[in-house]
């Protein structure tokens, strides 16, 4: 692979992809884990951004895209919930 691992992943000794592969996680659960592991470490993004993304993937896994989008819209409409 010619693209290097981004710096927000290089801070840890184990890469998210290695954990995802080791546990055989599907796309939604793998992405939820990825966002949980990198929360607060990606330059230019708030910790809450990644935590909300992780929640979106988990809700999507449990209940589908429609409810995940509905919850995301609700959070976006209420800035106090974004803290």
N, C-alpha and C. Protein backbone atom coordinates (compact mmCIF):
# COMPACT_ATOMS: atom_id res chain seq x y z
N UNK A 1 0.84 -1.17 0.00
CA UNK A 1 0.00 0.00 0.00
C UNK A 1 0.89 1.23 0.00
N UNK A 2 0.61 2.16 -0.87
CA UNK A 2 1.47 3.33 -0.98
C UNK A 2 1.09 4.43 0.01
N UNK A 3 -0.13 4.46 0.45
CA UNK A 3 -0.56 5.49 1.40
C UNK A 3 -0.16 5.09 2.81
N UNK A 4 0.46 6.02 3.53
CA UNK A 4 0.87 5.74 4.89
C UNK A 4 -0.31 5.81 5.84
N UNK A 5 -0.14 5.19 6.98
CA UNK A 5 -1.16 5.23 8.02
C UNK A 5 -1.21 6.66 8.57
N UNK A 6 -2.41 7.27 8.63
CA UNK A 6 -2.52 8.65 9.14
C UNK A 6 -1.99 8.77 10.56
N UNK A 7 -1.53 9.97 10.91
CA UNK A 7 -0.92 10.19 12.22
C UNK A 7 -1.88 9.91 13.36
N UNK A 8 -3.18 10.14 13.16
CA UNK A 8 -4.12 9.90 14.27
C UNK A 8 -4.28 8.42 14.58
N UNK A 9 -3.77 7.54 13.72
CA UNK A 9 -3.77 6.12 14.01
C UNK A 9 -2.40 5.64 14.48
N UNK A 10 -1.34 6.33 14.10
CA UNK A 10 0.02 5.90 14.44
C UNK A 10 0.37 6.12 15.90
N UNK A 11 -0.47 6.81 16.65
CA UNK A 11 -0.19 7.08 18.05
C UNK A 11 -0.31 5.84 18.92
N UNK A 12 -0.97 4.83 18.44
CA UNK A 12 -1.22 3.62 19.23
C UNK A 12 -0.41 2.45 18.68
N UNK A 13 -0.02 1.50 19.54
CA UNK A 13 0.78 0.37 19.09
C UNK A 13 0.01 -0.62 18.21
N UNK A 14 -1.31 -0.66 18.37
CA UNK A 14 -2.14 -1.56 17.57
C UNK A 14 -3.09 -0.71 16.74
N UNK A 15 -3.12 -0.96 15.44
CA UNK A 15 -3.98 -0.20 14.55
C UNK A 15 -5.41 -0.73 14.61
N UNK A 16 -6.41 0.15 14.46
CA UNK A 16 -7.80 -0.30 14.47
C UNK A 16 -8.07 -1.43 13.48
N UNK A 17 -7.47 -1.36 12.31
CA UNK A 17 -7.71 -2.39 11.29
C UNK A 17 -7.26 -3.77 11.78
N UNK A 18 -6.19 -3.79 12.59
CA UNK A 18 -5.71 -5.06 13.13
C UNK A 18 -6.72 -5.67 14.10
N UNK A 19 -7.33 -4.82 14.92
CA UNK A 19 -8.34 -5.30 15.87
C UNK A 19 -9.59 -5.75 15.12
N UNK A 20 -10.00 -4.94 14.15
CA UNK A 20 -11.18 -5.27 13.34
C UNK A 20 -11.00 -6.62 12.66
N UNK A 21 -9.84 -6.83 12.07
CA UNK A 21 -9.54 -8.11 11.41
C UNK A 21 -9.48 -9.27 12.40
N UNK A 22 -8.82 -9.04 13.53
CA UNK A 22 -8.65 -10.11 14.53
C UNK A 22 -9.99 -10.60 15.07
N UNK A 23 -10.95 -9.69 15.19
CA UNK A 23 -12.26 -10.06 15.72
C UNK A 23 -13.29 -10.32 14.63
N UNK A 24 -12.90 -10.16 13.38
CA UNK A 24 -13.81 -10.42 12.27
C UNK A 24 -15.04 -9.53 12.27
N UNK A 25 -14.85 -8.26 12.65
CA UNK A 25 -15.98 -7.34 12.72
C UNK A 25 -16.47 -6.96 11.33
N UNK A 26 -17.78 -6.81 11.21
CA UNK A 26 -18.35 -6.37 9.94
C UNK A 26 -18.13 -4.86 9.79
N UNK A 27 -18.61 -4.30 8.69
CA UNK A 27 -18.36 -2.89 8.36
C UNK A 27 -18.85 -1.94 9.44
N UNK A 28 -20.09 -2.11 9.89
CA UNK A 28 -20.67 -1.17 10.86
C UNK A 28 -19.96 -1.25 12.21
N UNK A 29 -19.78 -2.46 12.72
CA UNK A 29 -19.11 -2.59 14.01
C UNK A 29 -17.64 -2.19 13.92
N UNK A 30 -17.02 -2.48 12.79
CA UNK A 30 -15.62 -2.08 12.59
C UNK A 30 -15.46 -0.58 12.56
N UNK A 31 -16.37 0.11 11.87
CA UNK A 31 -16.30 1.56 11.83
C UNK A 31 -16.59 2.17 13.20
N UNK A 32 -17.55 1.61 13.93
CA UNK A 32 -17.83 2.10 15.29
C UNK A 32 -16.57 2.01 16.14
N UNK A 33 -15.90 0.88 16.08
CA UNK A 33 -14.67 0.70 16.85
C UNK A 33 -13.60 1.68 16.40
N UNK A 34 -13.43 1.84 15.10
CA UNK A 34 -12.43 2.78 14.57
C UNK A 34 -12.66 4.17 15.12
N UNK A 35 -13.91 4.65 15.09
CA UNK A 35 -14.20 6.00 15.57
C UNK A 35 -14.01 6.10 17.08
N UNK A 36 -14.35 5.06 17.82
CA UNK A 36 -14.11 5.09 19.27
C UNK A 36 -12.62 5.18 19.58
N UNK A 37 -11.82 4.41 18.85
CA UNK A 37 -10.39 4.38 19.12
C UNK A 37 -9.68 5.67 18.73
N UNK A 38 -10.18 6.37 17.72
CA UNK A 38 -9.49 7.59 17.30
C UNK A 38 -10.11 8.86 17.88
N UNK A 39 -11.19 8.75 18.64
CA UNK A 39 -11.89 9.92 19.17
C UNK A 39 -10.93 10.87 19.88
N UNK A 40 -10.93 12.10 19.41
CA UNK A 40 -10.10 13.13 20.00
C UNK A 40 -8.68 13.20 19.49
N UNK A 41 -8.29 12.32 18.58
CA UNK A 41 -6.91 12.33 18.12
C UNK A 41 -6.74 12.81 16.67
N UNK A 42 -7.83 12.98 15.92
CA UNK A 42 -7.71 13.43 14.54
C UNK A 42 -7.66 14.96 14.52
N UNK A 43 -6.62 15.48 13.90
CA UNK A 43 -6.41 16.92 13.83
C UNK A 43 -7.60 17.61 13.16
N UNK A 44 -8.11 18.64 13.81
CA UNK A 44 -9.19 19.41 13.24
C UNK A 44 -10.59 18.89 13.56
N UNK A 45 -10.68 17.81 14.31
CA UNK A 45 -11.98 17.28 14.68
C UNK A 45 -12.10 17.18 16.19
N UNK A 46 -13.28 17.46 16.68
CA UNK A 46 -13.56 17.33 18.11
C UNK A 46 -13.78 15.87 18.46
N UNK A 47 -13.52 15.54 19.71
CA UNK A 47 -13.74 14.19 20.20
C UNK A 47 -15.20 13.77 19.99
N UNK A 48 -16.12 14.71 20.21
CA UNK A 48 -17.54 14.40 20.07
C UNK A 48 -17.91 14.03 18.65
N UNK A 49 -17.19 14.57 17.65
CA UNK A 49 -17.47 14.21 16.25
C UNK A 49 -17.32 12.70 16.05
N UNK A 50 -16.20 12.17 16.50
CA UNK A 50 -15.95 10.74 16.33
C UNK A 50 -16.87 9.89 17.20
N UNK A 51 -17.17 10.36 18.40
CA UNK A 51 -18.09 9.61 19.27
C UNK A 51 -19.49 9.54 18.65
N UNK A 52 -19.94 10.64 18.05
CA UNK A 52 -21.24 10.63 17.38
C UNK A 52 -21.24 9.70 16.17
N UNK A 53 -20.13 9.66 15.46
CA UNK A 53 -20.02 8.73 14.33
C UNK A 53 -20.10 7.28 14.81
N UNK A 54 -19.43 6.99 15.92
CA UNK A 54 -19.48 5.64 16.48
C UNK A 54 -20.90 5.28 16.89
N UNK A 55 -21.59 6.22 17.52
CA UNK A 55 -22.98 5.98 17.92
C UNK A 55 -23.84 5.72 16.69
N UNK A 56 -23.63 6.51 15.63
CA UNK A 56 -24.42 6.35 14.41
C UNK A 56 -24.27 4.93 13.88
N UNK A 57 -23.04 4.43 13.81
CA UNK A 57 -22.81 3.07 13.30
C UNK A 57 -23.43 2.01 14.20
N UNK A 58 -23.37 2.20 15.51
CA UNK A 58 -23.96 1.22 16.43
C UNK A 58 -25.48 1.21 16.33
N UNK A 59 -26.09 2.39 16.26
CA UNK A 59 -27.55 2.45 16.11
C UNK A 59 -27.95 1.86 14.77
N UNK A 60 -27.18 2.14 13.75
CA UNK A 60 -27.45 1.57 12.42
C UNK A 60 -27.37 0.05 12.47
N UNK A 61 -26.39 -0.48 13.18
CA UNK A 61 -26.25 -1.93 13.33
C UNK A 61 -27.47 -2.53 14.04
N UNK A 62 -27.94 -1.84 15.06
CA UNK A 62 -29.06 -2.36 15.85
C UNK A 62 -30.42 -2.14 15.20
N UNK A 63 -30.62 -0.96 14.60
CA UNK A 63 -31.97 -0.57 14.19
C UNK A 63 -32.10 -0.07 12.76
N UNK A 64 -31.00 0.09 12.04
CA UNK A 64 -31.08 0.52 10.65
C UNK A 64 -30.71 1.98 10.45
N UNK A 65 -30.51 2.31 9.20
CA UNK A 65 -30.05 3.64 8.80
C UNK A 65 -31.06 4.72 9.17
N UNK A 66 -32.35 4.43 9.00
CA UNK A 66 -33.36 5.44 9.24
C UNK A 66 -33.30 5.98 10.66
N UNK A 67 -33.25 5.08 11.66
CA UNK A 67 -33.19 5.53 13.05
C UNK A 67 -31.86 6.21 13.34
N UNK A 68 -30.77 5.71 12.79
CA UNK A 68 -29.47 6.33 13.00
C UNK A 68 -29.47 7.76 12.47
N UNK A 69 -30.04 7.97 11.28
CA UNK A 69 -30.13 9.32 10.72
C UNK A 69 -31.05 10.21 11.55
N UNK A 70 -32.15 9.64 12.04
CA UNK A 70 -33.09 10.41 12.86
C UNK A 70 -32.42 10.87 14.16
N UNK A 71 -31.68 10.00 14.79
CA UNK A 71 -30.97 10.36 16.02
C UNK A 71 -29.90 11.41 15.71
N UNK A 72 -29.19 11.27 14.62
CA UNK A 72 -28.17 12.23 14.22
C UNK A 72 -28.79 13.61 14.00
N UNK A 73 -29.93 13.66 13.33
CA UNK A 73 -30.62 14.93 13.10
C UNK A 73 -31.05 15.54 14.43
N UNK A 74 -31.52 14.72 15.35
CA UNK A 74 -31.95 15.20 16.66
C UNK A 74 -30.77 15.80 17.42
N UNK A 75 -29.64 15.14 17.39
CA UNK A 75 -28.44 15.65 18.06
C UNK A 75 -28.00 16.95 17.43
N UNK A 76 -28.02 17.02 16.11
CA UNK A 76 -27.59 18.24 15.41
C UNK A 76 -28.52 19.41 15.70
N UNK A 77 -29.79 19.14 15.92
CA UNK A 77 -30.78 20.19 16.18
C UNK A 77 -30.72 20.70 17.61
N UNK A 78 -30.03 19.98 18.50
CA UNK A 78 -29.93 20.34 19.91
C UNK A 78 -28.45 20.42 20.31
N UNK A 79 -27.83 21.60 20.11
CA UNK A 79 -26.39 21.73 20.38
C UNK A 79 -25.97 21.31 21.80
N UNK A 80 -26.87 21.41 22.78
CA UNK A 80 -26.51 21.01 24.14
C UNK A 80 -26.21 19.51 24.21
N UNK A 81 -26.80 18.72 23.32
CA UNK A 81 -26.56 17.29 23.29
C UNK A 81 -25.23 16.96 22.63
N UNK A 82 -24.65 17.94 21.96
CA UNK A 82 -23.40 17.76 21.22
C UNK A 82 -22.18 17.91 22.13
N UNK A 83 -22.39 18.26 23.35
CA UNK A 83 -21.25 18.53 24.25
C UNK A 83 -20.76 17.26 24.93
